Amino acid sequence: MKKERVAVLLSGGLDSSVALHWAAKHQAAHVAISFKYGSKHEAHELACAKAQAEELGIKHEIIDISAISAHLSSALLQGGAEIPDASYEEENMKQTVVPFRNGIFLSIAAGIAESNDVKGLVIAAHSGDHSIYPDCREEFMQAMAQAIKLGTYAEIEILRPFINMSKGEIVQLGSQLDVDFNKTYSCYKGGDIHCGTCATCKERKDAFAWANIPDPTPYFM
């Protein structure tokens, strides 16, 4: 099968870092796109994104849209409410939603992708993405995929290689692809050490445990 020239949405988190390595092996990964948008954990995430892209020799673009965050309300953003220690199923986790984040990212990334003459845009959406995030749902992704395809001369496709995989399965794949998990960051609170108690830290722990792969992540708790 012919390898397509693709761009990868790279946050520096676990899922997107594995997606970058997947794209480097199975596609022709041309550019990794990260966003600086004012999240509490962006400094650590972006450092990891840079390290992952450099390791693979892939061009890395950081797009600064932090001015937009002043107009958005979310506990995930700097100056927002405290990040709750809760599971994703709990109602108060809705406060961590950044309104239309994936829509904003994909729209900008589609323009960058077409400007880089690529045919696909890789996003690490997976089966465990949670219902509290409207812009992670299948209906939304299908609609965005159609809009991007119709709105670009190149008819850019959204590629979601992990859509039928759990986070534990992504950890397994990352291990097979020799991803350095030490160079990935998940904690919503943004500390130098993962807190271990926020929903995304709990999900990270559970994924490594399910995959039966040692978790190299230091946690505060």
N, C-alpha and C. Protein backbone atom coordinates (compact mmCIF):
# COMPACT_ATOMS: atom_id res chain seq x y z
N MET A 1 0.84 -1.20 0.00
CA MET A 1 0.00 0.00 0.00
C MET A 1 0.88 1.25 0.00
N LYS A 2 0.52 2.20 -0.86
CA LYS A 2 1.29 3.43 -0.96
C LYS A 2 1.19 4.24 0.32
N LYS A 3 2.33 4.74 0.77
CA LYS A 3 2.34 5.59 1.96
C LYS A 3 1.96 7.02 1.57
N GLU A 4 0.97 7.57 2.27
CA GLU A 4 0.53 8.93 2.00
C GLU A 4 1.35 9.92 2.82
N ARG A 5 1.59 11.07 2.26
CA ARG A 5 2.26 12.17 2.96
C ARG A 5 1.23 12.79 3.92
N VAL A 6 1.52 12.78 5.22
CA VAL A 6 0.53 13.20 6.21
C VAL A 6 1.10 14.21 7.20
N ALA A 7 0.17 14.93 7.83
CA ALA A 7 0.47 15.77 8.98
C ALA A 7 -0.14 15.10 10.21
N VAL A 8 0.45 15.33 11.37
CA VAL A 8 0.00 14.69 12.61
C VAL A 8 -0.29 15.75 13.66
N LEU A 9 -1.48 15.67 14.26
CA LEU A 9 -1.77 16.52 15.41
C LEU A 9 -1.03 15.95 16.61
N LEU A 10 -0.09 16.70 17.15
CA LEU A 10 0.80 16.20 18.20
C LEU A 10 0.72 17.11 19.43
N SER A 11 0.04 16.64 20.47
CA SER A 11 -0.05 17.43 21.70
C SER A 11 1.17 17.23 22.57
N GLY A 12 1.79 16.05 22.47
CA GLY A 12 2.85 15.67 23.40
C GLY A 12 2.34 14.71 24.46
N GLY A 13 1.03 14.41 24.40
CA GLY A 13 0.47 13.40 25.27
C GLY A 13 0.78 12.00 24.78
N LEU A 14 0.32 11.01 25.53
CA LEU A 14 0.63 9.63 25.20
C LEU A 14 0.06 9.22 23.85
N ASP A 15 -1.23 9.47 23.64
CA ASP A 15 -1.90 9.00 22.43
C ASP A 15 -1.30 9.61 21.17
N SER A 16 -1.13 10.92 21.17
CA SER A 16 -0.65 11.60 19.97
C SER A 16 0.81 11.26 19.68
N SER A 17 1.58 10.99 20.73
CA SER A 17 2.98 10.60 20.52
C SER A 17 3.06 9.23 19.85
N VAL A 18 2.19 8.30 20.27
CA VAL A 18 2.14 7.00 19.61
C VAL A 18 1.66 7.18 18.17
N ALA A 19 0.69 8.08 17.97
CA ALA A 19 0.19 8.35 16.61
C ALA A 19 1.31 8.87 15.70
N LEU A 20 2.18 9.70 16.25
CA LEU A 20 3.30 10.22 15.45
C LEU A 20 4.22 9.08 15.01
N HIS A 21 4.52 8.18 15.95
CA HIS A 21 5.38 7.04 15.62
C HIS A 21 4.68 6.11 14.63
N TRP A 22 3.38 5.93 14.79
CA TRP A 22 2.62 5.12 13.82
C TRP A 22 2.70 5.73 12.43
N ALA A 23 2.52 7.05 12.35
CA ALA A 23 2.56 7.74 11.06
C ALA A 23 3.95 7.68 10.45
N ALA A 24 4.98 7.74 11.28
CA ALA A 24 6.35 7.66 10.77
C ALA A 24 6.64 6.28 10.17
N LYS A 25 5.99 5.25 10.71
CA LYS A 25 6.23 3.89 10.22
C LYS A 25 5.32 3.52 9.05
N HIS A 26 4.04 3.89 9.16
CA HIS A 26 3.05 3.40 8.20
C HIS A 26 2.65 4.41 7.13
N GLN A 27 2.99 5.68 7.33
CA GLN A 27 2.71 6.72 6.35
C GLN A 27 4.00 7.51 6.11
N ALA A 28 3.91 8.57 5.35
CA ALA A 28 5.06 9.45 5.16
C ALA A 28 4.81 10.71 5.99
N ALA A 29 5.14 10.64 7.27
CA ALA A 29 4.88 11.76 8.18
C ALA A 29 5.76 12.95 7.80
N HIS A 30 5.14 14.04 7.44
CA HIS A 30 5.88 15.20 6.95
C HIS A 30 5.98 16.31 7.99
N VAL A 31 4.91 16.53 8.74
CA VAL A 31 4.93 17.63 9.72
C VAL A 31 4.06 17.25 10.91
N ALA A 32 4.53 17.61 12.10
CA ALA A 32 3.76 17.47 13.33
C ALA A 32 3.29 18.85 13.76
N ILE A 33 2.01 18.95 14.10
CA ILE A 33 1.41 20.24 14.43
C ILE A 33 0.96 20.24 15.88
N SER A 34 1.51 21.17 16.65
CA SER A 34 1.13 21.34 18.06
C SER A 34 0.53 22.73 18.25
N PHE A 35 -0.30 22.85 19.28
CA PHE A 35 -0.96 24.12 19.54
C PHE A 35 -0.63 24.63 20.94
N LYS A 36 -0.26 25.89 21.00
CA LYS A 36 -0.10 26.59 22.27
C LYS A 36 -1.38 27.38 22.48
N TYR A 37 -2.21 26.90 23.41
CA TYR A 37 -3.53 27.51 23.55
C TYR A 37 -3.89 27.91 24.98
N GLY A 38 -2.88 27.95 25.84
CA GLY A 38 -3.11 28.45 27.19
C GLY A 38 -3.55 27.41 28.20
N SER A 39 -3.30 26.12 27.91
CA SER A 39 -3.67 25.09 28.87
C SER A 39 -2.68 25.06 30.02
N LYS A 40 -3.13 24.52 31.15
CA LYS A 40 -2.29 24.47 32.34
C LYS A 40 -1.08 23.55 32.16
N HIS A 41 -1.20 22.59 31.26
CA HIS A 41 -0.12 21.61 31.11
C HIS A 41 0.64 21.76 29.80
N GLU A 42 0.46 22.89 29.10
CA GLU A 42 1.03 22.99 27.76
C GLU A 42 2.57 23.05 27.76
N ALA A 43 3.18 23.63 28.77
CA ALA A 43 4.64 23.73 28.76
C ALA A 43 5.27 22.34 28.74
N HIS A 44 4.75 21.44 29.56
CA HIS A 44 5.27 20.07 29.61
C HIS A 44 4.90 19.31 28.35
N GLU A 45 3.66 19.47 27.90
CA GLU A 45 3.23 18.77 26.69
C GLU A 45 4.05 19.20 25.47
N LEU A 46 4.22 20.49 25.30
CA LEU A 46 4.94 20.98 24.12
C LEU A 46 6.41 20.57 24.14
N ALA A 47 7.00 20.51 25.32
CA ALA A 47 8.39 20.03 25.42
C ALA A 47 8.46 18.57 24.97
N CYS A 48 7.47 17.78 25.36
CA CYS A 48 7.43 16.38 24.95
C CYS A 48 7.18 16.26 23.45
N ALA A 49 6.28 17.08 22.93
CA ALA A 49 6.00 17.06 21.49
C ALA A 49 7.26 17.36 20.69
N LYS A 50 8.00 18.37 21.13
CA LYS A 50 9.24 18.75 20.46
C LYS A 50 10.23 17.58 20.48
N ALA A 51 10.35 16.93 21.63
CA ALA A 51 11.30 15.82 21.77
C ALA A 51 10.91 14.65 20.87
N GLN A 52 9.61 14.35 20.80
CA GLN A 52 9.16 13.23 19.97
C GLN A 52 9.42 13.51 18.49
N ALA A 53 9.10 14.71 18.04
CA ALA A 53 9.31 15.06 16.64
C ALA A 53 10.80 15.05 16.28
N GLU A 54 11.63 15.60 17.17
CA GLU A 54 13.07 15.63 16.92
C GLU A 54 13.65 14.22 16.85
N GLU A 55 13.17 13.34 17.70
CA GLU A 55 13.67 11.96 17.70
C GLU A 55 13.43 11.29 16.34
N LEU A 56 12.30 11.60 15.72
CA LEU A 56 11.95 10.98 14.45
C LEU A 56 12.38 11.80 13.24
N GLY A 57 12.94 12.98 13.48
CA GLY A 57 13.38 13.83 12.39
C GLY A 57 12.24 14.41 11.59
N ILE A 58 11.11 14.68 12.25
CA ILE A 58 9.92 15.22 11.59
C ILE A 58 9.78 16.70 11.92
N LYS A 59 9.50 17.49 10.91
CA LYS A 59 9.31 18.92 11.11
C LYS A 59 8.21 19.17 12.14
N HIS A 60 8.44 20.09 13.05
CA HIS A 60 7.48 20.35 14.12
C HIS A 60 7.08 21.82 14.11
N GLU A 61 5.79 22.05 14.00
CA GLU A 61 5.27 23.41 14.00
C GLU A 61 4.42 23.63 15.26
N ILE A 62 4.74 24.67 16.04
CA ILE A 62 3.92 25.04 17.20
C ILE A 62 3.13 26.28 16.82
N ILE A 63 1.81 26.16 16.82
CA ILE A 63 0.92 27.24 16.42
C ILE A 63 0.38 27.93 17.68
N ASP A 64 0.72 29.18 17.84
CA ASP A 64 0.32 29.92 19.04
C ASP A 64 -1.06 30.54 18.83
N ILE A 65 -2.05 29.96 19.49
CA ILE A 65 -3.40 30.53 19.45
C ILE A 65 -3.85 30.90 20.87
N SER A 66 -2.86 31.19 21.72
CA SER A 66 -3.16 31.45 23.13
C SER A 66 -4.08 32.65 23.33
N ALA A 67 -4.08 33.59 22.39
CA ALA A 67 -4.98 34.74 22.52
C ALA A 67 -6.44 34.31 22.52
N ILE A 68 -6.72 33.20 21.87
CA ILE A 68 -8.10 32.71 21.82
C ILE A 68 -8.58 32.28 23.20
N SER A 69 -7.65 31.77 24.05
CA SER A 69 -8.06 31.23 25.34
C SER A 69 -8.70 32.28 26.24
N ALA A 70 -8.38 33.53 26.01
CA ALA A 70 -8.99 34.61 26.81
C ALA A 70 -10.49 34.69 26.58
N HIS A 71 -10.96 34.10 25.50
CA HIS A 71 -12.37 34.16 25.15
C HIS A 71 -13.08 32.84 25.42
N LEU A 72 -12.36 31.87 26.01
CA LEU A 72 -12.92 30.55 26.28
C LEU A 72 -12.93 30.29 27.78
N SER A 73 -13.89 29.50 28.22
CA SER A 73 -14.02 29.17 29.64
C SER A 73 -13.81 27.69 29.85
N SER A 74 -12.78 27.34 30.64
CA SER A 74 -12.50 25.94 30.94
C SER A 74 -11.54 25.86 32.11
N ALA A 75 -11.74 24.86 32.96
CA ALA A 75 -10.80 24.63 34.06
C ALA A 75 -9.44 24.20 33.54
N LEU A 76 -9.39 23.71 32.32
CA LEU A 76 -8.13 23.24 31.75
C LEU A 76 -7.20 24.40 31.38
N LEU A 77 -7.76 25.59 31.23
CA LEU A 77 -6.98 26.74 30.80
C LEU A 77 -6.38 27.48 31.99
N GLN A 78 -5.26 28.14 31.74
CA GLN A 78 -4.61 28.92 32.79
C GLN A 78 -5.57 30.00 33.29
N GLY A 79 -5.67 30.10 34.63
CA GLY A 79 -6.59 31.05 35.23
C GLY A 79 -7.97 30.48 35.45
N GLY A 80 -8.21 29.25 34.96
CA GLY A 80 -9.51 28.61 35.15
C GLY A 80 -9.63 27.98 36.52
N ALA A 81 -10.77 27.36 36.77
CA ALA A 81 -11.04 26.71 38.06
C ALA A 81 -10.04 25.57 38.30
N GLU A 82 -9.97 25.13 39.54
CA GLU A 82 -9.07 24.03 39.90
C GLU A 82 -9.51 22.74 39.20
N ILE A 83 -8.54 21.98 38.72
CA ILE A 83 -8.84 20.70 38.08
C ILE A 83 -9.36 19.73 39.14
N PRO A 84 -10.54 19.13 38.93
CA PRO A 84 -11.09 18.22 39.94
C PRO A 84 -10.38 16.87 39.94
N ASP A 85 -10.32 16.25 41.12
CA ASP A 85 -9.88 14.86 41.22
C ASP A 85 -11.12 14.00 41.06
N ALA A 86 -11.39 13.59 39.84
CA ALA A 86 -12.62 12.85 39.56
C ALA A 86 -12.40 11.96 38.35
N SER A 87 -13.27 10.99 38.17
CA SER A 87 -13.23 10.16 36.97
C SER A 87 -14.00 10.87 35.87
N TYR A 88 -13.77 10.45 34.63
CA TYR A 88 -14.41 11.10 33.50
C TYR A 88 -15.93 10.94 33.52
N GLU A 89 -16.44 9.95 34.25
CA GLU A 89 -17.87 9.72 34.28
C GLU A 89 -18.60 10.73 35.16
N GLU A 90 -17.88 11.45 36.00
CA GLU A 90 -18.51 12.37 36.94
C GLU A 90 -18.85 13.69 36.27
N GLU A 91 -19.99 14.26 36.69
CA GLU A 91 -20.55 15.44 36.05
C GLU A 91 -19.60 16.63 36.09
N ASN A 92 -18.85 16.79 37.19
CA ASN A 92 -18.00 17.98 37.30
C ASN A 92 -16.80 17.97 36.36
N MET A 93 -16.57 16.85 35.67
CA MET A 93 -15.48 16.81 34.69
C MET A 93 -15.80 17.64 33.45
N LYS A 94 -17.07 18.02 33.29
CA LYS A 94 -17.43 18.84 32.14
C LYS A 94 -16.72 20.19 32.17
N GLN A 95 -16.32 20.62 33.37
CA GLN A 95 -15.64 21.92 33.46
C GLN A 95 -14.24 21.89 32.84
N THR A 96 -13.72 20.68 32.53
CA THR A 96 -12.41 20.60 31.88
C THR A 96 -12.52 20.66 30.35
N VAL A 97 -13.73 20.70 29.83
CA VAL A 97 -13.91 20.79 28.38
C VAL A 97 -13.48 22.18 27.90
N VAL A 98 -12.62 22.23 26.88
CA VAL A 98 -12.29 23.48 26.19
C VAL A 98 -13.24 23.56 24.99
N PRO A 99 -14.15 24.55 24.98
CA PRO A 99 -15.18 24.57 23.96
C PRO A 99 -14.63 24.47 22.53
N PHE A 100 -15.09 23.46 21.80
CA PHE A 100 -14.79 23.24 20.38
C PHE A 100 -13.30 23.10 20.11
N ARG A 101 -12.54 22.62 21.07
CA ARG A 101 -11.09 22.53 20.91
C ARG A 101 -10.68 21.73 19.67
N ASN A 102 -11.24 20.53 19.52
CA ASN A 102 -10.86 19.72 18.36
C ASN A 102 -11.29 20.37 17.05
N GLY A 103 -12.43 21.05 17.08
CA GLY A 103 -12.87 21.76 15.88
C GLY A 103 -11.91 22.87 15.49
N ILE A 104 -11.45 23.62 16.50
CA ILE A 104 -10.48 24.69 16.25
C ILE A 104 -9.17 24.12 15.73
N PHE A 105 -8.66 23.09 16.41
CA PHE A 105 -7.38 22.49 16.01
C PHE A 105 -7.45 21.91 14.60
N LEU A 106 -8.50 21.14 14.33
CA LEU A 106 -8.60 20.49 13.02
C LEU A 106 -8.76 21.51 11.89
N SER A 107 -9.50 22.58 12.14
CA SER A 107 -9.69 23.59 11.11
C SER A 107 -8.37 24.25 10.74
N ILE A 108 -7.59 24.63 11.75
CA ILE A 108 -6.30 25.26 11.49
C ILE A 108 -5.34 24.26 10.86
N ALA A 109 -5.32 23.04 11.42
CA ALA A 109 -4.40 22.01 10.92
C ALA A 109 -4.69 21.66 9.47
N ALA A 110 -5.96 21.70 9.07
CA ALA A 110 -6.31 21.40 7.68
C ALA A 110 -5.67 22.40 6.73
N GLY A 111 -5.69 23.68 7.10
CA GLY A 111 -5.05 24.70 6.27
C GLY A 111 -3.55 24.51 6.20
N ILE A 112 -2.94 24.18 7.34
CA ILE A 112 -1.49 23.94 7.36
C ILE A 112 -1.14 22.70 6.55
N ALA A 113 -1.97 21.67 6.68
CA ALA A 113 -1.72 20.43 5.94
C ALA A 113 -1.76 20.68 4.44
N GLU A 114 -2.77 21.41 3.97
CA GLU A 114 -2.84 21.67 2.53
C GLU A 114 -1.67 22.53 2.07
N SER A 115 -1.25 23.46 2.91
CA SER A 115 -0.10 24.31 2.56
C SER A 115 1.20 23.52 2.51
N ASN A 116 1.22 22.37 3.18
CA ASN A 116 2.41 21.49 3.16
C ASN A 116 2.26 20.35 2.16
N ASP A 117 1.23 20.43 1.32
CA ASP A 117 1.03 19.45 0.25
C ASP A 117 0.93 18.03 0.80
N VAL A 118 0.13 17.87 1.86
CA VAL A 118 -0.10 16.53 2.39
C VAL A 118 -1.53 16.09 2.10
N LYS A 119 -1.76 14.80 2.17
CA LYS A 119 -3.06 14.23 1.79
C LYS A 119 -3.88 13.76 2.98
N GLY A 120 -3.24 13.66 4.15
CA GLY A 120 -3.95 13.15 5.32
C GLY A 120 -3.59 13.90 6.58
N LEU A 121 -4.51 13.91 7.53
CA LEU A 121 -4.32 14.57 8.80
C LEU A 121 -4.61 13.55 9.89
N VAL A 122 -3.58 13.16 10.64
CA VAL A 122 -3.70 12.09 11.63
C VAL A 122 -4.07 12.67 12.99
N ILE A 123 -5.12 12.12 13.60
CA ILE A 123 -5.51 12.52 14.95
C ILE A 123 -5.67 11.26 15.78
N ALA A 124 -5.26 11.31 17.04
CA ALA A 124 -5.19 10.11 17.88
C ALA A 124 -6.48 9.83 18.63
N ALA A 125 -7.63 10.13 18.02
CA ALA A 125 -8.91 9.80 18.65
C ALA A 125 -9.00 8.29 18.84
N HIS A 126 -9.55 7.86 19.99
CA HIS A 126 -9.63 6.42 20.25
C HIS A 126 -10.98 6.07 20.87
N SER A 127 -11.21 4.78 21.04
CA SER A 127 -12.54 4.31 21.46
C SER A 127 -12.89 4.75 22.88
N GLY A 128 -11.88 5.12 23.68
CA GLY A 128 -12.15 5.52 25.05
C GLY A 128 -12.39 6.99 25.23
N ASP A 129 -12.37 7.77 24.15
CA ASP A 129 -12.66 9.19 24.28
C ASP A 129 -14.06 9.36 24.86
N HIS A 130 -14.21 10.32 25.74
CA HIS A 130 -15.36 10.32 26.63
C HIS A 130 -16.52 11.17 26.14
N SER A 131 -17.70 10.73 26.52
CA SER A 131 -18.92 11.37 26.02
C SER A 131 -19.08 12.80 26.53
N ILE A 132 -18.36 13.18 27.58
CA ILE A 132 -18.49 14.56 28.06
C ILE A 132 -17.85 15.56 27.09
N TYR A 133 -17.03 15.05 26.15
CA TYR A 133 -16.39 15.93 25.18
C TYR A 133 -17.12 15.83 23.84
N PRO A 134 -17.98 16.80 23.53
CA PRO A 134 -18.77 16.71 22.29
C PRO A 134 -17.91 16.61 21.04
N ASP A 135 -16.74 17.25 21.06
CA ASP A 135 -15.89 17.25 19.86
C ASP A 135 -14.96 16.04 19.79
N CYS A 136 -15.27 15.01 20.59
CA CYS A 136 -14.60 13.71 20.45
C CYS A 136 -15.55 12.66 19.90
N ARG A 137 -16.82 13.01 19.80
CA ARG A 137 -17.82 12.02 19.41
C ARG A 137 -17.74 11.69 17.93
N GLU A 138 -18.18 10.48 17.60
CA GLU A 138 -18.09 9.98 16.23
C GLU A 138 -18.84 10.88 15.25
N GLU A 139 -20.02 11.34 15.64
CA GLU A 139 -20.80 12.19 14.73
C GLU A 139 -20.05 13.47 14.39
N PHE A 140 -19.39 14.04 15.38
CA PHE A 140 -18.62 15.25 15.16
C PHE A 140 -17.44 14.98 14.24
N MET A 141 -16.71 13.90 14.51
CA MET A 141 -15.53 13.58 13.71
C MET A 141 -15.91 13.31 12.25
N GLN A 142 -17.02 12.64 12.04
CA GLN A 142 -17.46 12.37 10.68
C GLN A 142 -17.81 13.67 9.96
N ALA A 143 -18.47 14.58 10.68
CA ALA A 143 -18.85 15.86 10.08
C ALA A 143 -17.61 16.70 9.76
N MET A 144 -16.63 16.73 10.66
CA MET A 144 -15.41 17.49 10.42
C MET A 144 -14.62 16.89 9.26
N ALA A 145 -14.59 15.56 9.20
CA ALA A 145 -13.88 14.89 8.11
C ALA A 145 -14.48 15.28 6.76
N GLN A 146 -15.80 15.31 6.71
CA GLN A 146 -16.45 15.68 5.46
C GLN A 146 -16.18 17.14 5.12
N ALA A 147 -16.26 18.03 6.13
CA ALA A 147 -16.03 19.45 5.90
C ALA A 147 -14.62 19.70 5.39
N ILE A 148 -13.62 19.04 5.99
CA ILE A 148 -12.23 19.23 5.58
C ILE A 148 -12.00 18.68 4.18
N LYS A 149 -12.58 17.53 3.90
CA LYS A 149 -12.42 16.97 2.56
C LYS A 149 -13.05 17.88 1.51
N LEU A 150 -14.24 18.40 1.81
CA LEU A 150 -14.92 19.27 0.86
C LEU A 150 -14.28 20.65 0.76
N GLY A 151 -13.60 21.06 1.83
CA GLY A 151 -13.07 22.42 1.90
C GLY A 151 -11.63 22.57 1.50
N THR A 152 -11.01 21.50 0.99
CA THR A 152 -9.61 21.56 0.56
C THR A 152 -9.49 21.03 -0.87
N TYR A 153 -8.65 21.68 -1.67
CA TYR A 153 -8.42 21.21 -3.03
C TYR A 153 -7.85 19.79 -3.03
N ALA A 154 -7.02 19.51 -2.01
CA ALA A 154 -6.39 18.19 -1.93
C ALA A 154 -7.34 17.12 -1.41
N GLU A 155 -8.55 17.54 -1.00
CA GLU A 155 -9.53 16.62 -0.41
C GLU A 155 -8.88 15.82 0.73
N ILE A 156 -8.32 16.58 1.67
CA ILE A 156 -7.57 16.00 2.78
C ILE A 156 -8.46 15.10 3.63
N GLU A 157 -7.94 13.92 3.93
CA GLU A 157 -8.64 12.94 4.74
C GLU A 157 -8.20 13.04 6.20
N ILE A 158 -9.14 12.89 7.13
CA ILE A 158 -8.77 12.71 8.53
C ILE A 158 -8.52 11.23 8.76
N LEU A 159 -7.34 10.90 9.26
CA LEU A 159 -6.97 9.51 9.55
C LEU A 159 -7.02 9.29 11.06
N ARG A 160 -7.77 8.28 11.47
CA ARG A 160 -7.91 7.97 12.90
C ARG A 160 -7.53 6.50 13.13
N PRO A 161 -6.25 6.21 13.14
CA PRO A 161 -5.80 4.81 13.22
C PRO A 161 -6.18 4.11 14.52
N PHE A 162 -6.50 4.88 15.57
CA PHE A 162 -6.77 4.30 16.88
C PHE A 162 -8.26 4.27 17.23
N ILE A 163 -9.13 4.58 16.27
CA ILE A 163 -10.53 4.81 16.60
C ILE A 163 -11.19 3.58 17.21
N ASN A 164 -10.69 2.39 16.91
CA ASN A 164 -11.27 1.16 17.48
C ASN A 164 -10.38 0.56 18.56
N MET A 165 -9.46 1.36 19.08
CA MET A 165 -8.53 0.88 20.10
C MET A 165 -8.78 1.56 21.43
N SER A 166 -8.50 0.84 22.51
CA SER A 166 -8.54 1.44 23.85
C SER A 166 -7.20 2.11 24.14
N LYS A 167 -7.15 2.87 25.23
CA LYS A 167 -5.88 3.51 25.59
C LYS A 167 -4.84 2.46 25.97
N GLY A 168 -5.29 1.37 26.59
CA GLY A 168 -4.36 0.29 26.90
C GLY A 168 -3.75 -0.32 25.65
N GLU A 169 -4.56 -0.48 24.62
CA GLU A 169 -4.06 -1.01 23.36
C GLU A 169 -3.09 -0.04 22.70
N ILE A 170 -3.33 1.28 22.89
CA ILE A 170 -2.40 2.28 22.36
C ILE A 170 -1.06 2.18 23.08
N VAL A 171 -1.09 1.95 24.39
CA VAL A 171 0.16 1.73 25.13
C VAL A 171 0.90 0.52 24.58
N GLN A 172 0.18 -0.57 24.32
CA GLN A 172 0.81 -1.76 23.75
C GLN A 172 1.46 -1.45 22.41
N LEU A 173 0.73 -0.73 21.55
CA LEU A 173 1.28 -0.36 20.25
C LEU A 173 2.50 0.54 20.40
N GLY A 174 2.40 1.50 21.32
CA GLY A 174 3.53 2.39 21.56
C GLY A 174 4.78 1.64 21.99
N SER A 175 4.59 0.61 22.81
CA SER A 175 5.72 -0.21 23.23
C SER A 175 6.34 -0.92 22.04
N GLN A 176 5.49 -1.43 21.15
CA GLN A 176 5.98 -2.12 19.94
C GLN A 176 6.73 -1.15 19.02
N LEU A 177 6.31 0.12 19.03
CA LEU A 177 6.94 1.13 18.17
C LEU A 177 8.12 1.82 18.85
N ASP A 178 8.48 1.35 20.06
CA ASP A 178 9.61 1.91 20.82
C ASP A 178 9.41 3.38 21.18
N VAL A 179 8.17 3.74 21.50
CA VAL A 179 7.91 5.11 21.97
C VAL A 179 8.51 5.28 23.37
N ASP A 180 9.22 6.37 23.56
CA ASP A 180 9.75 6.70 24.89
C ASP A 180 8.64 7.38 25.68
N PHE A 181 7.95 6.61 26.53
CA PHE A 181 6.83 7.14 27.28
C PHE A 181 7.25 8.19 28.30
N ASN A 182 8.54 8.21 28.65
CA ASN A 182 9.03 9.27 29.53
C ASN A 182 8.92 10.63 28.89
N LYS A 183 8.87 10.65 27.55
CA LYS A 183 8.75 11.90 26.81
C LYS A 183 7.31 12.12 26.36
N THR A 184 6.37 11.75 27.22
CA THR A 184 4.95 12.05 27.01
C THR A 184 4.41 12.62 28.31
N TYR A 185 3.38 13.44 28.21
CA TYR A 185 2.84 14.09 29.41
C TYR A 185 1.33 14.09 29.35
N SER A 186 0.69 13.82 30.48
CA SER A 186 -0.77 13.70 30.52
C SER A 186 -1.46 14.59 31.54
N CYS A 187 -0.84 14.87 32.67
CA CYS A 187 -1.54 15.46 33.82
C CYS A 187 -2.18 16.81 33.51
N TYR A 188 -3.48 16.91 33.76
CA TYR A 188 -4.21 18.16 33.52
C TYR A 188 -3.78 19.28 34.45
N LYS A 189 -3.21 18.94 35.61
CA LYS A 189 -2.86 19.99 36.57
C LYS A 189 -1.57 20.71 36.19
N GLY A 190 -0.74 20.06 35.37
CA GLY A 190 0.42 20.74 34.81
C GLY A 190 1.64 20.84 35.70
N GLY A 191 1.73 20.01 36.73
CA GLY A 191 2.89 20.05 37.61
C GLY A 191 4.11 19.39 36.99
N ASP A 192 5.26 19.59 37.63
CA ASP A 192 6.49 18.97 37.14
C ASP A 192 6.41 17.44 37.22
N ILE A 193 5.63 16.95 38.19
CA ILE A 193 5.38 15.52 38.34
C ILE A 193 3.89 15.27 38.17
N HIS A 194 3.53 14.23 37.44
CA HIS A 194 2.11 13.88 37.28
C HIS A 194 1.46 13.74 38.66
N CYS A 195 0.27 14.34 38.83
CA CYS A 195 -0.36 14.33 40.15
C CYS A 195 -0.80 12.93 40.55
N GLY A 196 -1.26 12.13 39.58
CA GLY A 196 -1.70 10.77 39.86
C GLY A 196 -3.15 10.66 40.29
N THR A 197 -3.82 11.81 40.47
CA THR A 197 -5.19 11.77 40.99
C THR A 197 -6.23 12.38 40.04
N CYS A 198 -5.81 13.17 39.06
CA CYS A 198 -6.78 13.72 38.12
C CYS A 198 -7.22 12.62 37.15
N ALA A 199 -8.29 12.86 36.43
CA ALA A 199 -8.87 11.81 35.58
C ALA A 199 -7.89 11.31 34.53
N THR A 200 -7.12 12.21 33.94
CA THR A 200 -6.21 11.78 32.87
C THR A 200 -5.01 11.01 33.43
N CYS A 201 -4.58 11.34 34.64
CA CYS A 201 -3.53 10.55 35.28
C CYS A 201 -4.04 9.15 35.61
N LYS A 202 -5.27 9.07 36.13
CA LYS A 202 -5.85 7.77 36.44
C LYS A 202 -5.99 6.93 35.18
N GLU A 203 -6.42 7.55 34.10
CA GLU A 203 -6.57 6.85 32.83
C GLU A 203 -5.22 6.34 32.33
N ARG A 204 -4.19 7.15 32.50
CA ARG A 204 -2.83 6.75 32.09
C ARG A 204 -2.37 5.54 32.89
N LYS A 205 -2.55 5.60 34.21
CA LYS A 205 -2.17 4.47 35.07
C LYS A 205 -2.90 3.19 34.65
N ASP A 206 -4.21 3.32 34.44
CA ASP A 206 -5.03 2.16 34.09
C ASP A 206 -4.60 1.56 32.74
N ALA A 207 -4.20 2.43 31.81
CA ALA A 207 -3.80 1.95 30.48
C ALA A 207 -2.54 1.10 30.56
N PHE A 208 -1.56 1.55 31.33
CA PHE A 208 -0.33 0.77 31.48
C PHE A 208 -0.61 -0.55 32.22
N ALA A 209 -1.48 -0.48 33.24
CA ALA A 209 -1.81 -1.69 33.99
C ALA A 209 -2.52 -2.70 33.09
N TRP A 210 -3.47 -2.20 32.27
CA TRP A 210 -4.20 -3.10 31.36
C TRP A 210 -3.24 -3.74 30.36
N ALA A 211 -2.32 -2.93 29.85
CA ALA A 211 -1.38 -3.42 28.85
C ALA A 211 -0.30 -4.33 29.44
N ASN A 212 -0.23 -4.36 30.76
CA ASN A 212 0.79 -5.15 31.47
C ASN A 212 2.19 -4.71 31.06
N ILE A 213 2.35 -3.39 30.96
CA ILE A 213 3.63 -2.79 30.60
C ILE A 213 4.03 -1.85 31.75
N PRO A 214 5.25 -1.93 32.25
CA PRO A 214 5.67 -1.07 33.36
C PRO A 214 5.47 0.41 33.01
N ASP A 215 4.86 1.12 33.93
CA ASP A 215 4.61 2.55 33.75
C ASP A 215 5.81 3.33 34.27
N PRO A 216 6.54 4.02 33.38
CA PRO A 216 7.74 4.74 33.83
C PRO A 216 7.43 6.11 34.45
N THR A 217 6.15 6.46 34.50
CA THR A 217 5.75 7.80 34.92
C THR A 217 5.87 7.98 36.42
N PRO A 218 6.60 9.01 36.90
CA PRO A 218 6.57 9.31 38.32
C PRO A 218 5.28 10.08 38.65
N TYR A 219 4.58 9.64 39.68
CA TYR A 219 3.34 10.29 40.11
C TYR A 219 3.52 10.85 41.52
N PHE A 220 2.87 11.98 41.79
CA PHE A 220 2.94 12.58 43.12
C PHE A 220 2.20 11.68 44.12
N MET A 221 1.08 11.11 43.65
CA MET A 221 0.30 10.21 44.52
C MET A 221 -0.10 8.97 43.72
